[in-house]
Protein backbone atom coordinates (compact mmCIF):
# COMPACT_ATOMS: atom_id res chain seq x y z
CA MET A 1 23.81 -35.43 3.96
CA GLN A 2 20.62 -36.62 5.67
CA ALA A 3 17.36 -35.01 6.65
CA GLN A 4 14.37 -35.95 8.79
CA VAL A 5 10.97 -34.14 8.87
CA SER A 6 8.43 -33.47 11.57
CA ALA A 7 5.26 -31.43 11.05
CA ARG A 8 2.69 -29.53 13.08
CA ASN A 9 -0.04 -27.51 11.21
CA LEU A 10 2.00 -25.27 8.64
CA GLU A 11 5.22 -25.43 10.47
CA ARG A 12 7.88 -27.89 9.51
CA ASN A 13 11.17 -28.85 11.14
CA ILE A 14 13.89 -30.59 9.10
CA LEU A 15 17.02 -32.00 10.68
CA LEU A 16 19.98 -31.32 8.40
CA SER A 17 23.14 -33.35 8.74
CA LEU A 18 26.35 -32.09 7.23
CA PRO A 19 29.37 -34.47 7.07
CA ALA A 20 32.29 -32.79 8.72
CA VAL A 21 34.79 -34.11 6.19
CA GLU A 22 32.96 -32.32 3.42
CA ILE A 23 32.81 -29.06 5.33
CA GLU A 24 36.48 -29.11 6.19
CA SER A 25 37.28 -29.96 2.57
CA GLU A 26 35.33 -27.11 1.26
CA ILE A 27 36.88 -24.69 3.87
CA SER A 28 40.40 -25.83 2.75
CA LYS A 29 39.53 -25.34 -0.84
CA ARG A 30 38.44 -21.80 -0.39
CA LEU A 31 41.34 -20.92 1.78
CA LYS A 32 43.75 -22.23 -0.89
CA HIS A 33 41.91 -20.08 -3.45
CA ILE A 34 42.52 -16.96 -1.29
CA ALA A 35 46.10 -17.90 -0.73
CA ARG A 36 46.86 -17.65 -4.47
CA THR A 37 46.52 -13.88 -4.49
CA ALA A 38 46.57 -12.84 -0.77
CA LYS A 39 48.71 -9.92 0.19
CA MET A 40 50.34 -9.45 3.60
CA PRO A 41 53.17 -7.31 4.76
CA GLY A 42 56.58 -9.00 4.25
CA PHE A 43 55.27 -11.51 1.69
CA ARG A 44 54.95 -11.46 -2.06
CA PRO A 45 51.38 -11.91 -3.40
CA GLY A 46 50.54 -15.73 -3.26
CA LYS A 47 53.51 -16.55 -0.98
CA VAL A 48 51.76 -15.98 2.43
CA PRO A 49 52.09 -19.10 4.57
CA PHE A 50 48.91 -21.11 4.65
CA THR A 51 48.68 -21.05 8.44
CA MET A 52 48.57 -17.23 8.33
CA ILE A 53 45.77 -17.30 5.67
CA ALA A 54 43.89 -19.76 7.94
CA ASN A 55 44.25 -17.53 10.93
CA GLN A 56 43.24 -14.35 8.98
CA TYR A 57 40.32 -15.73 6.99
CA GLY A 58 39.39 -19.10 8.59
CA PHE A 59 36.49 -17.92 10.72
CA GLN A 60 34.82 -15.95 7.97
CA ILE A 61 35.32 -18.77 5.44
CA ARG A 62 33.89 -21.34 7.99
CA GLN A 63 30.81 -19.25 8.40
CA GLU A 64 30.31 -18.91 4.65
CA VAL A 65 30.79 -22.57 4.05
CA MET A 66 28.53 -23.63 6.73
CA SER A 67 25.80 -21.14 5.60
CA ASP A 68 26.10 -22.23 1.88
CA SER A 69 26.02 -25.94 2.83
CA VAL A 70 22.96 -25.61 5.05
CA GLN A 71 21.16 -23.55 2.40
CA LYS A 72 21.89 -26.13 -0.32
CA ILE A 73 20.88 -29.17 1.60
CA PHE A 74 17.67 -27.38 2.73
CA ALA A 75 16.83 -26.46 -0.83
CA ASP A 76 17.62 -29.97 -2.03
CA GLU A 77 15.39 -31.47 0.69
CA VAL A 78 12.32 -29.23 0.23
CA GLU A 79 12.54 -29.95 -3.51
CA LYS A 80 12.74 -33.64 -2.89
CA GLN A 81 9.76 -33.55 -0.69
CA GLN A 82 7.96 -31.09 -2.96
CA LEU A 83 7.30 -28.63 -0.08
CA ARG A 84 6.30 -25.07 -0.97
CA VAL A 85 8.17 -22.92 1.59
CA ALA A 86 6.34 -19.79 2.81
CA GLY A 87 8.62 -17.01 3.96
CA TYR A 88 12.13 -17.77 5.00
CA PRO A 89 13.45 -20.58 7.13
CA SER A 90 15.38 -20.20 10.36
CA PHE A 91 18.32 -22.52 11.12
CA ALA A 92 19.63 -23.41 14.57
CA PRO A 93 22.35 -25.92 15.71
CA ALA A 94 20.54 -29.16 16.68
CA ASN A 95 20.80 -30.11 20.28
CA SER A 96 21.10 -33.81 19.71
CA GLY A 97 24.49 -34.83 21.02
CA GLN A 98 25.93 -34.72 17.54
CA ALA A 99 29.02 -36.82 16.67
CA ALA A 100 32.33 -35.40 15.72
CA ASP A 101 31.90 -36.58 12.12
CA LYS A 102 28.93 -34.41 11.27
CA PHE A 103 27.27 -31.07 11.99
CA GLU A 104 23.44 -30.98 12.54
CA PHE A 105 21.14 -28.13 12.27
CA THR A 106 17.34 -27.75 12.53
CA ALA A 107 15.47 -25.73 9.84
CA THR A 108 12.22 -24.39 10.90
CA PHE A 109 9.89 -22.99 8.38
CA GLU A 110 6.28 -22.82 7.24
CA ILE A 111 4.65 -24.18 4.06
CA TYR A 112 1.85 -22.75 1.97
CA PRO A 113 -1.55 -23.97 3.20
CA GLU A 114 -4.21 -25.92 1.36
CA VAL A 115 -6.96 -23.55 0.27
CA THR A 116 -10.47 -25.03 0.38
CA MET A 117 -13.00 -23.08 -1.56
CA GLY A 118 -16.67 -23.00 -0.87
CA SER A 119 -19.44 -22.14 -3.27
CA LEU A 120 -20.19 -18.56 -4.32
CA ALA A 121 -23.76 -19.44 -5.48
CA GLY A 122 -26.25 -17.06 -4.07
CA LYS A 123 -23.68 -14.45 -2.72
CA PRO A 124 -24.97 -11.01 -3.65
CA LEU A 125 -23.14 -8.81 -6.13
CA ASP A 126 -24.39 -5.38 -7.16
CA ARG A 127 -23.41 -4.32 -10.66
CA LEU A 128 -23.31 -0.48 -10.40
CA ARG A 129 -23.83 1.77 -13.38
CA ALA A 130 -24.28 5.49 -13.92
CA ASP A 131 -24.33 7.97 -16.71
CA VAL A 132 -22.03 11.01 -16.80
CA THR A 133 -24.49 13.89 -17.39
CA ASP A 134 -24.10 17.58 -18.36
CA LYS A 135 -24.77 18.35 -14.74
CA ASP A 136 -21.76 16.23 -13.65
CA VAL A 137 -19.65 18.08 -16.15
CA ASP A 138 -20.95 21.37 -14.76
CA ASN A 139 -20.15 20.39 -11.21
CA THR A 140 -16.62 19.35 -12.23
CA ILE A 141 -16.12 22.69 -13.91
CA ILE A 142 -17.27 24.51 -10.68
CA THR A 143 -14.71 22.46 -8.72
CA LEU A 144 -11.94 23.43 -11.13
CA GLN A 145 -12.95 27.14 -10.85
CA LYS A 146 -12.75 26.82 -7.09
CA GLN A 147 -9.29 25.30 -7.35
CA ARG A 148 -8.21 28.30 -9.35
CA ALA A 149 -9.95 30.96 -7.21
CA THR A 150 -8.25 34.21 -6.02
CA TYR A 151 -9.45 36.02 -3.04
CA ASP A 152 -10.13 39.62 -2.09
CA LYS A 153 -11.01 41.06 1.36
CA ALA A 154 -14.79 41.31 1.99
CA ASP A 155 -16.55 43.54 4.44
CA ARG A 156 -19.29 41.04 5.23
CA ALA A 157 -20.02 37.93 7.38
CA ALA A 158 -18.17 34.76 6.48
CA ARG A 159 -19.89 32.14 4.37
CA LYS A 160 -19.03 28.87 2.70
CA GLY A 161 -16.11 29.18 0.25
CA ASP A 162 -14.56 32.27 1.94
CA PHE A 163 -10.90 32.17 2.91
CA LEU A 164 -10.50 33.22 6.58
CA VAL A 165 -7.46 34.23 8.64
CA VAL A 166 -8.04 33.08 12.21
CA ASP A 167 -6.40 33.06 15.63
CA PHE A 168 -7.73 30.47 17.97
CA THR A 169 -7.07 28.88 21.40
CA GLY A 170 -8.51 25.67 22.68
CA LYS A 171 -8.77 24.64 26.36
CA LEU A 172 -9.57 21.37 28.04
CA ASP A 173 -10.74 21.76 31.58
CA GLY A 174 -9.50 25.35 31.57
CA GLU A 175 -5.98 24.52 30.38
CA PRO A 176 -4.60 24.81 26.78
CA PHE A 177 -4.01 21.52 25.10
CA LYS A 178 -1.38 20.54 22.49
CA GLY A 179 -2.32 21.43 19.09
CA GLY A 180 -5.16 23.63 20.13
CA GLN A 181 -3.73 27.01 19.37
CA ALA A 182 -2.76 28.81 16.19
CA GLU A 183 -2.20 32.41 14.83
CA ASN A 184 -2.91 33.77 11.38
CA PHE A 185 -4.37 30.28 10.46
CA GLY A 186 -5.72 30.24 6.94
CA MET A 187 -8.68 28.06 6.03
CA VAL A 188 -11.43 27.86 3.44
CA LEU A 189 -14.94 27.51 5.03
CA GLY A 190 -16.59 24.31 3.75
CA GLU A 191 -13.35 22.73 2.56
CA GLY A 192 -13.44 20.25 5.53
CA ARG A 193 -9.89 20.97 6.67
CA MET A 194 -11.11 21.57 10.27
CA LEU A 195 -13.86 19.65 12.17
CA PRO A 196 -17.37 20.43 10.96
CA ASP A 197 -18.39 22.00 14.32
CA PHE A 198 -15.44 24.34 14.26
CA GLU A 199 -16.13 25.51 10.79
CA ALA A 200 -19.88 25.92 11.66
CA ALA A 201 -18.96 28.17 14.61
CA LEU A 202 -16.96 30.52 12.34
CA MET A 203 -19.82 30.67 9.74
CA GLY A 204 -21.35 34.16 9.83
CA MET A 205 -18.55 35.90 11.74
CA SER A 206 -17.00 39.08 10.36
CA GLY A 207 -13.40 40.43 10.34
CA GLY A 208 -12.25 41.42 13.83
CA GLU A 209 -15.13 39.49 15.55
CA GLU A 210 -14.29 37.08 18.48
CA LYS A 211 -16.29 34.08 19.63
CA THR A 212 -16.05 31.50 22.34
CA PHE A 213 -17.77 28.12 21.82
CA ASP A 214 -17.73 24.52 22.90
CA LEU A 215 -16.73 21.68 20.80
CA THR A 216 -16.92 17.90 21.37
CA PHE A 217 -14.27 15.78 19.69
CA PRO A 218 -15.58 12.74 17.75
CA ALA A 219 -14.90 9.25 19.19
CA ASP A 220 -12.37 8.37 16.47
CA TYR A 221 -10.27 11.44 17.13
CA GLN A 222 -6.77 11.07 18.77
CA ALA A 223 -7.04 9.18 22.05
CA GLU A 224 -6.45 12.00 24.57
CA LEU A 225 -9.16 14.18 23.00
CA ALA A 226 -11.66 11.61 21.79
CA ASN A 227 -15.20 12.33 23.10
CA LYS A 228 -13.82 15.18 25.15
CA THR A 229 -15.60 18.62 25.21
CA VAL A 230 -13.25 21.57 24.89
CA GLN A 231 -13.74 25.31 24.72
CA PHE A 232 -12.41 27.44 21.84
CA THR A 233 -11.90 31.21 21.53
CA ALA A 234 -11.55 32.17 17.95
CA THR A 235 -10.92 35.55 16.38
CA VAL A 236 -11.62 36.02 12.60
CA LYS A 237 -9.07 38.54 11.53
CA VAL A 238 -9.90 38.69 7.83
CA VAL A 239 -12.67 37.50 5.64
CA ASN A 240 -11.69 36.98 1.97
CA ALA A 241 -14.28 36.36 -0.73
CA PRO A 242 -13.41 34.00 -3.65
CA ILE A 243 -13.24 35.36 -7.19
CA TYR A 244 -13.67 32.51 -9.62
CA PRO A 245 -12.19 32.53 -13.11
CA PRO A 246 -14.71 32.78 -15.93
CA VAL A 247 -15.23 29.77 -18.04
CA ASP A 248 -13.68 31.10 -21.29
CA ALA A 249 -10.91 30.31 -23.72
CA ALA A 250 -8.18 31.11 -21.20
CA PHE A 251 -9.81 28.73 -18.66
CA ALA A 252 -9.95 25.95 -21.28
CA GLN A 253 -6.31 26.54 -22.12
CA SER A 254 -5.41 26.29 -18.36
CA LEU A 255 -6.90 22.73 -18.59
CA GLY A 256 -4.75 21.78 -21.53
CA VAL A 257 -7.14 22.58 -24.40
CA THR A 258 -4.68 24.53 -26.50
CA ASP A 259 -7.16 26.12 -28.79
CA GLY A 260 -9.40 27.25 -25.99
CA ASP A 261 -12.49 25.54 -27.40
CA ILE A 262 -15.11 25.27 -24.59
CA ALA A 263 -17.03 22.46 -26.25
CA LYS A 264 -13.82 20.40 -26.53
CA MET A 265 -13.03 21.18 -22.96
CA ARG A 266 -16.36 19.82 -21.83
CA SER A 267 -15.90 16.77 -23.94
CA GLU A 268 -12.46 15.96 -22.43
CA ILE A 269 -13.90 16.55 -18.97
CA LYS A 270 -16.68 14.09 -19.68
CA THR A 271 -14.31 11.51 -21.00
CA ASN A 272 -12.13 11.84 -17.96
CA LEU A 273 -15.20 11.59 -15.65
CA GLU A 274 -16.28 8.43 -17.53
CA ARG A 275 -12.80 6.87 -17.11
CA GLU A 276 -12.78 7.61 -13.33
CA LEU A 277 -16.34 6.30 -13.12
CA LYS A 278 -15.37 3.03 -14.68
CA LYS A 279 -12.36 2.54 -12.43
CA ARG A 280 -14.68 3.21 -9.36
CA VAL A 281 -17.26 0.92 -10.42
CA GLN A 282 -14.71 -1.83 -11.13
CA SER A 283 -13.14 -1.20 -7.68
CA LYS A 284 -16.48 -1.49 -5.87
CA THR A 285 -17.32 -4.66 -7.73
CA LYS A 286 -13.94 -6.14 -6.94
CA ASP A 287 -14.34 -5.36 -3.23
CA GLN A 288 -17.67 -7.16 -3.22
CA VAL A 289 -16.12 -10.32 -4.91
CA MET A 290 -13.12 -10.32 -2.55
CA ASP A 291 -15.37 -10.18 0.46
CA ALA A 292 -17.43 -12.99 -0.89
CA LEU A 293 -14.28 -15.11 -1.55
CA LEU A 294 -13.07 -14.47 1.92
CA SER A 295 -16.36 -15.64 3.42
CA VAL A 296 -16.22 -19.01 1.55
CA ALA A 297 -12.58 -19.85 1.78
CA GLN A 298 -10.90 -21.96 4.57
CA LEU A 299 -7.22 -21.97 5.04
CA ASP A 300 -4.54 -21.41 7.68
CA LEU A 301 -2.35 -18.39 7.40
CA PRO A 302 1.52 -18.76 7.47
CA ARG A 303 2.60 -16.46 10.20
CA SER A 304 5.74 -15.72 8.36
CA LEU A 305 3.92 -14.25 5.43
CA VAL A 306 1.70 -12.18 7.65
CA ASP A 307 4.83 -10.84 9.42
CA MET A 308 6.44 -9.96 6.17
CA GLU A 309 3.24 -8.08 5.04
CA VAL A 310 3.10 -6.22 8.31
CA GLY A 311 6.72 -5.08 7.63
CA ARG A 312 5.77 -3.94 4.20
CA LEU A 313 2.76 -1.98 5.43
CA GLN A 314 4.88 -0.41 8.15
CA GLU A 315 7.44 0.75 5.61
CA GLN A 316 4.60 2.10 3.35
CA ALA A 317 3.09 4.12 6.22
CA VAL A 318 6.43 5.63 7.13
CA GLN A 319 6.99 6.59 3.39
CA ASP A 320 3.60 8.11 3.19
CA LEU A 321 4.25 10.25 6.29
CA GLN A 322 7.47 11.33 4.74
CA SER A 323 5.71 12.34 1.48
CA ARG A 324 3.53 14.57 3.70
CA GLY A 325 6.57 16.36 5.04
CA MET A 326 6.51 14.71 8.42
CA THR A 327 9.73 13.84 10.27
CA THR A 328 10.01 10.07 10.60
CA LYS A 329 13.50 9.61 12.03
CA ASP A 330 13.56 6.83 14.70
CA LEU A 331 9.71 6.48 14.18
CA GLN A 332 8.59 3.00 15.25
CA LEU A 333 4.97 2.28 14.17
CA PRO A 334 3.48 -0.50 16.34
CA PRO A 335 3.08 -3.70 14.24
CA GLU A 336 -0.33 -4.47 15.81
CA LEU A 337 -1.74 -1.53 13.85
CA PHE A 338 -1.14 -3.46 10.64
CA VAL A 339 -1.84 -7.04 11.57
CA GLU A 340 -5.56 -7.15 10.68
CA ARG A 341 -4.94 -5.64 7.30
CA ALA A 342 -1.88 -7.83 6.72
CA GLU A 343 -3.78 -10.87 7.46
CA LYS A 344 -6.56 -9.97 5.05
CA ARG A 345 -4.08 -9.22 2.28
CA VAL A 346 -2.18 -12.46 2.68
CA LYS A 347 -5.44 -14.49 2.86
CA LEU A 348 -6.65 -12.84 -0.32
CA GLY A 349 -3.47 -13.44 -2.13
CA LEU A 350 -3.52 -17.09 -1.30
CA ILE A 351 -7.23 -17.45 -2.34
CA LEU A 352 -6.65 -15.60 -5.52
CA GLY A 353 -3.73 -17.84 -6.38
CA GLU A 354 -5.79 -20.91 -5.78
CA VAL A 355 -8.82 -19.63 -7.79
CA VAL A 356 -6.51 -18.57 -10.71
CA LYS A 357 -4.83 -22.00 -10.75
CA GLN A 358 -8.07 -24.00 -10.44
CA ASN A 359 -9.91 -22.11 -13.19
CA ASN A 360 -7.00 -21.18 -15.52
CA LEU A 361 -7.57 -17.44 -15.08
CA ARG A 362 -4.06 -16.28 -15.84
CA ALA A 363 -3.59 -12.91 -17.54
CA ARG A 364 -3.17 -13.34 -21.26
CA PRO A 365 -0.76 -11.02 -23.06
CA GLU A 366 -3.66 -9.33 -25.09
CA GLN A 367 -5.40 -8.48 -21.87
CA ILE A 368 -2.37 -6.88 -20.37
CA ARG A 369 -1.78 -4.93 -23.50
CA SER A 370 -5.34 -3.68 -23.43
CA VAL A 371 -5.12 -2.40 -19.89
CA VAL A 372 -1.79 -0.69 -20.62
CA GLU A 373 -3.18 1.08 -23.74
CA GLU A 374 -6.36 2.05 -21.91
CA HIS A 375 -4.36 3.65 -19.09
CA ALA A 376 -2.05 5.38 -21.57
CA GLU A 377 -4.94 7.10 -23.27
CA SER A 378 -5.08 9.70 -20.41
CA PHE A 379 -1.51 10.97 -21.26
CA GLU A 380 -0.37 13.31 -23.86
CA ASP A 381 1.70 10.72 -25.72
CA PRO A 382 -0.05 7.37 -25.30
CA ALA A 383 2.60 5.52 -27.39
CA GLN A 384 5.45 6.75 -25.20
CA MET A 385 3.52 5.62 -22.09
CA VAL A 386 3.02 2.21 -23.61
CA ARG A 387 6.71 1.94 -24.22
CA TRP A 388 7.46 2.97 -20.69
CA TYR A 389 5.43 0.11 -19.33
CA TYR A 390 6.91 -2.50 -21.56
CA SER A 391 10.42 -1.30 -20.69
CA ASP A 392 10.29 -2.66 -17.19
CA THR A 393 8.86 -6.11 -16.25
CA SER A 394 8.02 -4.96 -12.77
CA ARG A 395 5.53 -2.37 -14.27
CA LEU A 396 4.00 -5.14 -16.39
CA GLN A 397 3.69 -7.40 -13.29
CA GLU A 398 1.64 -4.74 -11.61
CA VAL A 399 -0.72 -4.74 -14.58
CA GLU A 400 -0.80 -8.40 -14.75
CA GLY A 401 -2.00 -8.43 -11.15
CA MET A 402 -4.86 -6.04 -12.01
CA VAL A 403 -5.82 -8.32 -14.95
CA LEU A 404 -5.85 -11.42 -12.83
CA GLU A 405 -8.09 -9.72 -10.23
CA ASP A 406 -10.45 -8.67 -13.12
CA ASN A 407 -10.48 -12.31 -14.38
CA VAL A 408 -11.36 -13.53 -11.00
CA VAL A 409 -14.18 -10.94 -10.66
CA GLU A 410 -15.67 -11.94 -14.00
CA TRP A 411 -15.38 -15.63 -13.11
CA ALA A 412 -17.07 -15.15 -9.67
CA ALA A 413 -19.89 -13.14 -11.15
CA THR A 414 -21.01 -16.18 -13.14
CA SER A 415 -21.99 -17.92 -9.85
CA MET A 416 -23.05 -15.02 -7.71
CA ALA A 417 -26.47 -13.42 -7.51
CA VAL A 418 -25.97 -10.30 -9.69
CA THR A 419 -28.27 -7.23 -9.36
CA ALA A 420 -28.00 -4.24 -11.73
CA VAL A 421 -28.05 -1.07 -9.76
CA THR A 422 -28.27 2.37 -11.24
CA LYS A 423 -27.01 5.28 -9.23
CA GLU A 424 -26.02 9.01 -9.73
CA PHE A 425 -22.45 9.72 -10.59
CA ASP A 426 -21.83 11.58 -7.36
CA GLU A 427 -23.24 8.77 -5.25
CA ILE A 428 -20.91 6.13 -6.80
CA MET A 429 -17.97 8.46 -6.70
CA GLU A 430 -18.91 9.43 -3.05
CA ILE A 431 -18.75 13.16 -3.75
CA LYS A 432 -20.50 15.38 -1.25
CA ARG A 433 -21.50 18.89 -2.69
């Protein structure tokens, strides 16, 4: 078996040569193995004539032998030349006037690129911090009250927080447009389910009142309506005022505080907010570091890895739509929607791999354990959650990936221009009240 290599950028082509005598010998060997137990009408098991076995299974066995042989010689050759194959190779018969004593194939594939890292010195990094205050706890309790609100009909004008039942019809150039009509549509004013201008038009309306108003769709709305001005006619059928549950023992119990202790409830809420704040700060810090790494790294992207990532993102998008109750049968999401994101993810993955290797930033077992235990603290039985993680290597691999990123962030921060920035809890969490 012989191989020749030619190269252009990340793409490689290897000419694979398979001796015909070895192929035919392996085919014969496998057919004889089948013949030992093969069953055909009129023959006892193992007594079927070899010519009939060859006619029945010959094509399939030939395909299997050729595939196995090409895969083996390919694997041997890339190992010999110490090539790191990115993605999957493609094989095609070589158009080289091959002789009868051999079969030739061309393997086309990409290799992993060299990653050249520039300096992070002077790159800005904001280290965010905030304190969770009593006011933040109060705001969270108000949000929890709203989530548990009941509603009662109100004989007054609608205001923020009210639940409205509305009929509406939208027209574009005097003609109804798709998705612009609804009857008995329920919505909470101020919740943001509808466009802000639509909700603003309903504010102050009473039950039974009708209004006609213009609305201009934003530029990032669906293509056929983006930047278009339409006319809506809306009738508020019912205005329902919210009734919020009191913050008492029953309320605390509904949040999992079994003894109904209000102070304990507030303490647990604060602990949860601090946990979420820590995650958000870590996420924002990581985003800054990743952007900095992208800006100083030079590398070529293997198209095969990008295509694989596009496929994964397409699949994730379809699954997300399914989880929202949408019908996705025969749904084909255009790959170009995901190319930019896929390229960034592949590039970051290659950069992180290089940084980890160069600086020995691999995740240590004690780091992984610490992250697992910290995550488990938010569950009723932390020990059981820890066991759940350690019962499946794929779950631990996800945690390991998180630890690797954290290690890279801390390593990068030693070179970057770090500025401590103090903000309010709501600002860091991007909460609008």
